[in-house]
Amino acid sequence: MPKLTFLPDGVTIEAAPGTSILDAGQRAGVKIGSACGGVCACSTCHVWVKQGLASLSEQEDRELDILDKAFEVKPTSRLSCQAEVGAEDLVVEITPESRQTYFDEHPAERRALAAAEGEP
């Protein structure tokens, strides 16, 4: 099975081909946003694919339309709810906006992280 590495956390897991990056990340406890629940209705699960982009499922028009609303879209941008794992290993970086959305959705974790970093 291909391995997925999530940056900046450095978490590496295996995922079966056909699994969305979002589903794999959520199962591994990666801090990735998904305000719409992973139904391609927002851009909060936006990631940058650092390795393995060509092995992912093809982008469809709906994903491209939603990506138009995201911050810092790059040629390697994908919505993790729509990008399905292929046969190759992947390295993906969770965008700052996606991580912020995750912490907005999980305020207890946000407070714990702030406390660990010495913030009030």
N, C-alpha and C. Protein backbone atom coordinates (compact mmCIF):
# COMPACT_ATOMS: atom_id res chain seq x y z
N MET A 1 0.84 -1.18 0.00
CA MET A 1 0.00 0.00 0.00
C MET A 1 0.88 1.24 0.00
N PRO A 2 0.43 2.29 -0.68
CA PRO A 2 1.20 3.53 -0.69
C PRO A 2 1.24 4.18 0.69
N LYS A 3 2.31 4.91 0.94
CA LYS A 3 2.47 5.65 2.19
C LYS A 3 2.13 7.11 1.94
N LEU A 4 1.47 7.72 2.91
CA LEU A 4 1.15 9.15 2.87
C LEU A 4 1.85 9.82 4.03
N THR A 5 2.57 10.88 3.74
CA THR A 5 3.21 11.68 4.78
C THR A 5 2.54 13.04 4.78
N PHE A 6 2.12 13.46 5.97
CA PHE A 6 1.44 14.74 6.14
C PHE A 6 2.38 15.73 6.82
N LEU A 7 2.61 16.84 6.15
CA LEU A 7 3.40 17.93 6.71
C LEU A 7 2.46 19.03 7.17
N PRO A 8 2.72 19.77 8.19
CA PRO A 8 3.95 19.84 8.94
C PRO A 8 4.05 18.82 10.08
N ASP A 9 3.05 17.99 10.29
CA ASP A 9 3.05 17.07 11.43
C ASP A 9 4.08 15.96 11.31
N GLY A 10 4.41 15.56 10.09
CA GLY A 10 5.35 14.47 9.89
C GLY A 10 4.75 13.09 10.10
N VAL A 11 3.44 12.99 10.13
CA VAL A 11 2.76 11.71 10.31
C VAL A 11 2.80 10.95 8.99
N THR A 12 3.21 9.68 9.03
CA THR A 12 3.22 8.82 7.86
C THR A 12 2.35 7.60 8.13
N ILE A 13 1.46 7.32 7.18
CA ILE A 13 0.55 6.17 7.30
C ILE A 13 0.48 5.46 5.96
N GLU A 14 -0.11 4.29 5.96
CA GLU A 14 -0.43 3.60 4.71
C GLU A 14 -1.91 3.77 4.44
N ALA A 15 -2.26 3.86 3.15
CA ALA A 15 -3.67 3.98 2.76
C ALA A 15 -3.90 3.20 1.48
N ALA A 16 -5.04 2.58 1.42
CA ALA A 16 -5.39 1.80 0.23
C ALA A 16 -5.67 2.73 -0.94
N PRO A 17 -5.27 2.33 -2.15
CA PRO A 17 -5.63 3.12 -3.32
C PRO A 17 -7.15 3.34 -3.37
N GLY A 18 -7.55 4.54 -3.75
CA GLY A 18 -8.97 4.89 -3.79
C GLY A 18 -9.44 5.62 -2.55
N THR A 19 -8.62 5.63 -1.49
CA THR A 19 -8.94 6.37 -0.27
C THR A 19 -8.66 7.84 -0.49
N SER A 20 -9.54 8.71 -0.03
CA SER A 20 -9.25 10.14 -0.17
C SER A 20 -8.17 10.53 0.82
N ILE A 21 -7.40 11.55 0.46
CA ILE A 21 -6.37 12.06 1.36
C ILE A 21 -7.00 12.50 2.67
N LEU A 22 -8.16 13.13 2.61
CA LEU A 22 -8.85 13.59 3.82
C LEU A 22 -9.21 12.42 4.73
N ASP A 23 -9.81 11.37 4.18
CA ASP A 23 -10.18 10.22 5.00
C ASP A 23 -8.96 9.59 5.66
N ALA A 24 -7.89 9.44 4.89
CA ALA A 24 -6.67 8.84 5.44
C ALA A 24 -6.12 9.72 6.56
N GLY A 25 -6.08 11.02 6.33
CA GLY A 25 -5.57 11.93 7.34
C GLY A 25 -6.40 11.95 8.61
N GLN A 26 -7.70 11.96 8.46
CA GLN A 26 -8.57 11.96 9.64
C GLN A 26 -8.42 10.68 10.45
N ARG A 27 -8.28 9.54 9.77
CA ARG A 27 -8.07 8.28 10.49
C ARG A 27 -6.76 8.29 11.27
N ALA A 28 -5.78 9.03 10.76
CA ALA A 28 -4.47 9.10 11.42
C ALA A 28 -4.39 10.22 12.46
N GLY A 29 -5.45 11.00 12.62
CA GLY A 29 -5.47 12.08 13.59
C GLY A 29 -4.73 13.33 13.14
N VAL A 30 -4.55 13.46 11.84
CA VAL A 30 -3.87 14.64 11.28
C VAL A 30 -4.80 15.84 11.40
N LYS A 31 -4.22 16.98 11.68
CA LYS A 31 -5.00 18.21 11.88
C LYS A 31 -5.26 18.90 10.54
N ILE A 32 -6.33 18.45 9.88
CA ILE A 32 -6.71 18.95 8.58
C ILE A 32 -8.17 19.39 8.64
N GLY A 33 -8.47 20.57 8.13
CA GLY A 33 -9.82 21.11 8.20
C GLY A 33 -10.77 20.40 7.25
N SER A 34 -12.04 20.42 7.62
CA SER A 34 -13.09 19.87 6.74
C SER A 34 -14.44 20.42 7.17
N ALA A 35 -14.59 21.72 7.04
CA ALA A 35 -15.80 22.39 7.52
C ALA A 35 -17.08 21.84 6.89
N CYS A 36 -17.01 21.38 5.64
CA CYS A 36 -18.21 20.87 4.98
C CYS A 36 -18.40 19.37 5.17
N GLY A 37 -17.48 18.75 5.89
CA GLY A 37 -17.58 17.31 6.10
C GLY A 37 -17.01 16.49 4.96
N GLY A 38 -16.29 17.12 4.07
CA GLY A 38 -15.64 16.40 2.98
C GLY A 38 -16.52 16.12 1.79
N VAL A 39 -17.44 17.05 1.48
CA VAL A 39 -18.34 16.84 0.35
C VAL A 39 -18.11 17.84 -0.79
N CYS A 40 -16.92 18.43 -0.84
CA CYS A 40 -16.53 19.36 -1.91
C CYS A 40 -17.43 20.59 -1.95
N ALA A 41 -17.74 21.14 -0.77
CA ALA A 41 -18.55 22.35 -0.71
C ALA A 41 -17.78 23.54 -0.15
N CYS A 42 -16.52 23.32 0.23
CA CYS A 42 -15.69 24.41 0.73
C CYS A 42 -14.24 24.09 0.36
N SER A 43 -13.32 24.95 0.74
CA SER A 43 -11.92 24.70 0.40
C SER A 43 -11.07 24.48 1.65
N THR A 44 -11.69 24.14 2.76
CA THR A 44 -10.94 24.05 4.02
C THR A 44 -10.05 22.82 4.12
N CYS A 45 -10.16 21.87 3.21
CA CYS A 45 -9.28 20.69 3.23
C CYS A 45 -8.17 20.81 2.19
N HIS A 46 -7.90 22.02 1.77
CA HIS A 46 -6.88 22.32 0.74
C HIS A 46 -5.49 21.87 1.21
N VAL A 47 -4.81 21.13 0.35
CA VAL A 47 -3.44 20.71 0.61
C VAL A 47 -2.58 20.99 -0.62
N TRP A 48 -1.26 21.04 -0.39
CA TRP A 48 -0.29 21.12 -1.47
C TRP A 48 0.39 19.77 -1.56
N VAL A 49 0.38 19.17 -2.73
CA VAL A 49 0.99 17.85 -2.92
C VAL A 49 2.46 18.07 -3.27
N LYS A 50 3.33 17.59 -2.41
CA LYS A 50 4.78 17.75 -2.58
C LYS A 50 5.40 16.60 -3.36
N GLN A 51 4.76 15.42 -3.30
CA GLN A 51 5.26 14.24 -4.00
C GLN A 51 4.08 13.35 -4.35
N GLY A 52 4.06 12.82 -5.57
CA GLY A 52 3.05 11.85 -5.98
C GLY A 52 1.82 12.45 -6.64
N LEU A 53 1.87 13.71 -7.04
CA LEU A 53 0.70 14.38 -7.63
C LEU A 53 0.12 13.61 -8.80
N ALA A 54 0.96 13.11 -9.68
CA ALA A 54 0.48 12.44 -10.89
C ALA A 54 -0.26 11.14 -10.61
N SER A 55 -0.05 10.56 -9.43
CA SER A 55 -0.71 9.29 -9.12
C SER A 55 -2.12 9.48 -8.54
N LEU A 56 -2.49 10.72 -8.22
CA LEU A 56 -3.81 10.97 -7.64
C LEU A 56 -4.90 10.90 -8.70
N SER A 57 -6.14 10.73 -8.25
CA SER A 57 -7.29 10.77 -9.15
C SER A 57 -7.33 12.11 -9.87
N GLU A 58 -7.95 12.13 -11.04
CA GLU A 58 -8.06 13.35 -11.83
C GLU A 58 -8.94 14.39 -11.13
N GLN A 59 -8.60 15.66 -11.31
CA GLN A 59 -9.45 16.73 -10.79
C GLN A 59 -10.67 16.86 -11.69
N GLU A 60 -11.81 17.07 -11.05
CA GLU A 60 -13.05 17.32 -11.79
C GLU A 60 -13.40 18.80 -11.69
N ASP A 61 -14.33 19.24 -12.51
CA ASP A 61 -14.70 20.65 -12.57
C ASP A 61 -15.13 21.20 -11.21
N ARG A 62 -15.88 20.43 -10.46
CA ARG A 62 -16.37 20.92 -9.16
C ARG A 62 -15.21 21.24 -8.23
N GLU A 63 -14.21 20.35 -8.19
CA GLU A 63 -13.04 20.61 -7.34
C GLU A 63 -12.32 21.87 -7.80
N LEU A 64 -12.14 22.02 -9.09
CA LEU A 64 -11.47 23.21 -9.62
C LEU A 64 -12.24 24.49 -9.27
N ASP A 65 -13.57 24.43 -9.35
CA ASP A 65 -14.39 25.59 -8.99
C ASP A 65 -14.21 25.96 -7.52
N ILE A 66 -14.18 24.96 -6.64
CA ILE A 66 -14.02 25.23 -5.21
C ILE A 66 -12.60 25.74 -4.92
N LEU A 67 -11.60 25.17 -5.59
CA LEU A 67 -10.22 25.63 -5.39
C LEU A 67 -10.05 27.10 -5.76
N ASP A 68 -10.88 27.61 -6.67
CA ASP A 68 -10.82 29.02 -7.02
C ASP A 68 -11.08 29.92 -5.81
N LYS A 69 -11.70 29.38 -4.78
CA LYS A 69 -12.03 30.16 -3.58
C LYS A 69 -11.00 30.01 -2.47
N ALA A 70 -10.00 29.15 -2.68
CA ALA A 70 -8.99 28.89 -1.65
C ALA A 70 -7.89 29.93 -1.67
N PHE A 71 -7.13 29.99 -0.57
CA PHE A 71 -5.97 30.86 -0.45
C PHE A 71 -4.73 30.14 -0.98
N GLU A 72 -3.84 30.89 -1.58
CA GLU A 72 -2.54 30.38 -2.04
C GLU A 72 -2.64 29.11 -2.89
N VAL A 73 -3.49 29.14 -3.89
CA VAL A 73 -3.63 27.99 -4.79
C VAL A 73 -2.37 27.90 -5.65
N LYS A 74 -1.84 26.69 -5.74
CA LYS A 74 -0.62 26.42 -6.51
C LYS A 74 -0.94 25.33 -7.54
N PRO A 75 -0.04 25.11 -8.49
CA PRO A 75 -0.27 24.02 -9.44
C PRO A 75 -0.39 22.64 -8.77
N THR A 76 0.12 22.53 -7.56
CA THR A 76 0.06 21.26 -6.84
C THR A 76 -1.08 21.21 -5.82
N SER A 77 -1.99 22.18 -5.86
CA SER A 77 -3.10 22.22 -4.92
C SER A 77 -4.15 21.17 -5.24
N ARG A 78 -4.67 20.56 -4.19
CA ARG A 78 -5.81 19.64 -4.31
C ARG A 78 -6.70 19.81 -3.10
N LEU A 79 -7.98 19.50 -3.28
CA LEU A 79 -8.87 19.37 -2.13
C LEU A 79 -8.71 17.94 -1.66
N SER A 80 -8.32 17.78 -0.41
CA SER A 80 -8.01 16.43 0.07
C SER A 80 -9.24 15.53 0.11
N CYS A 81 -10.43 16.11 0.12
CA CYS A 81 -11.65 15.29 0.11
C CYS A 81 -11.91 14.69 -1.27
N GLN A 82 -11.30 15.26 -2.30
CA GLN A 82 -11.53 14.81 -3.67
C GLN A 82 -10.36 14.02 -4.25
N ALA A 83 -9.18 14.22 -3.72
CA ALA A 83 -7.97 13.57 -4.24
C ALA A 83 -7.86 12.17 -3.67
N GLU A 84 -7.97 11.18 -4.54
CA GLU A 84 -7.89 9.78 -4.10
C GLU A 84 -6.50 9.23 -4.36
N VAL A 85 -6.02 8.48 -3.39
CA VAL A 85 -4.69 7.88 -3.44
C VAL A 85 -4.61 6.92 -4.62
N GLY A 86 -3.47 6.97 -5.30
CA GLY A 86 -3.18 6.02 -6.38
C GLY A 86 -2.19 4.98 -5.89
N ALA A 87 -1.24 4.61 -6.73
CA ALA A 87 -0.29 3.56 -6.40
C ALA A 87 1.02 4.08 -5.79
N GLU A 88 1.27 5.39 -5.91
CA GLU A 88 2.54 5.94 -5.44
C GLU A 88 2.43 6.53 -4.04
N ASP A 89 3.59 6.60 -3.36
CA ASP A 89 3.67 7.28 -2.08
C ASP A 89 3.38 8.76 -2.29
N LEU A 90 2.83 9.39 -1.26
CA LEU A 90 2.47 10.81 -1.31
C LEU A 90 3.09 11.57 -0.16
N VAL A 91 3.43 12.81 -0.42
CA VAL A 91 3.78 13.76 0.62
C VAL A 91 2.88 14.97 0.38
N VAL A 92 2.08 15.32 1.39
CA VAL A 92 1.18 16.46 1.26
C VAL A 92 1.41 17.42 2.42
N GLU A 93 1.32 18.69 2.12
CA GLU A 93 1.42 19.72 3.14
C GLU A 93 0.05 20.33 3.36
N ILE A 94 -0.38 20.31 4.59
CA ILE A 94 -1.67 20.90 4.95
C ILE A 94 -1.48 22.42 4.96
N THR A 95 -2.33 23.14 4.26
CA THR A 95 -2.18 24.59 4.18
C THR A 95 -2.47 25.23 5.54
N PRO A 96 -1.90 26.41 5.78
CA PRO A 96 -2.18 27.11 7.04
C PRO A 96 -3.68 27.34 7.28
N GLU A 97 -4.41 27.67 6.22
CA GLU A 97 -5.85 27.89 6.37
C GLU A 97 -6.58 26.62 6.78
N SER A 98 -6.15 25.49 6.25
CA SER A 98 -6.77 24.22 6.61
C SER A 98 -6.50 23.89 8.07
N ARG A 99 -5.26 24.08 8.51
CA ARG A 99 -4.93 23.83 9.93
C ARG A 99 -5.72 24.76 10.83
N GLN A 100 -5.85 26.03 10.43
CA GLN A 100 -6.63 26.98 11.24
C GLN A 100 -8.08 26.54 11.34
N THR A 101 -8.64 26.07 10.24
CA THR A 101 -10.01 25.58 10.27
C THR A 101 -10.13 24.41 11.23
N TYR A 102 -9.16 23.49 11.20
CA TYR A 102 -9.19 22.35 12.11
C TYR A 102 -9.25 22.84 13.56
N PHE A 103 -8.36 23.78 13.90
CA PHE A 103 -8.33 24.26 15.28
C PHE A 103 -9.57 25.08 15.62
N ASP A 104 -10.17 25.75 14.64
CA ASP A 104 -11.44 26.45 14.88
C ASP A 104 -12.55 25.44 15.19
N GLU A 105 -12.48 24.27 14.55
CA GLU A 105 -13.47 23.21 14.76
C GLU A 105 -13.22 22.42 16.04
N HIS A 106 -11.99 22.52 16.59
CA HIS A 106 -11.59 21.76 17.78
C HIS A 106 -10.94 22.72 18.79
N PRO A 107 -11.76 23.59 19.42
CA PRO A 107 -11.19 24.62 20.29
C PRO A 107 -10.42 24.06 21.49
N ALA A 108 -10.79 22.91 22.00
CA ALA A 108 -10.05 22.34 23.13
C ALA A 108 -8.62 22.01 22.72
N GLU A 109 -8.45 21.48 21.52
CA GLU A 109 -7.10 21.19 21.02
C GLU A 109 -6.33 22.47 20.78
N ARG A 110 -7.00 23.50 20.30
CA ARG A 110 -6.35 24.80 20.08
C ARG A 110 -5.84 25.35 21.40
N ARG A 111 -6.67 25.27 22.45
CA ARG A 111 -6.24 25.78 23.76
C ARG A 111 -5.08 24.95 24.32
N ALA A 112 -5.13 23.64 24.15
CA ALA A 112 -4.04 22.78 24.63
C ALA A 112 -2.74 23.09 23.91
N LEU A 113 -2.80 23.31 22.62
CA LEU A 113 -1.61 23.64 21.84
C LEU A 113 -1.05 24.98 22.29
N ALA A 114 -1.91 25.96 22.50
CA ALA A 114 -1.48 27.28 22.94
C ALA A 114 -0.82 27.17 24.32
N ALA A 115 -1.39 26.38 25.21
CA ALA A 115 -0.82 26.21 26.54
C ALA A 115 0.55 25.53 26.45
N ALA A 116 0.67 24.54 25.58
CA ALA A 116 1.95 23.84 25.42
C ALA A 116 3.02 24.76 24.86
N GLU A 117 2.61 25.73 24.07
CA GLU A 117 3.56 26.69 23.48
C GLU A 117 3.76 27.91 24.35
N GLY A 118 3.13 27.91 25.55
CA GLY A 118 3.31 29.00 26.49
C GLY A 118 2.52 30.25 26.20
N GLU A 119 1.50 30.12 25.35
CA GLU A 119 0.65 31.26 25.04
C GLU A 119 -0.48 31.35 26.07
N PRO A 120 -0.99 32.54 26.32
CA PRO A 120 -2.09 32.70 27.30
C PRO A 120 -3.40 32.11 26.79
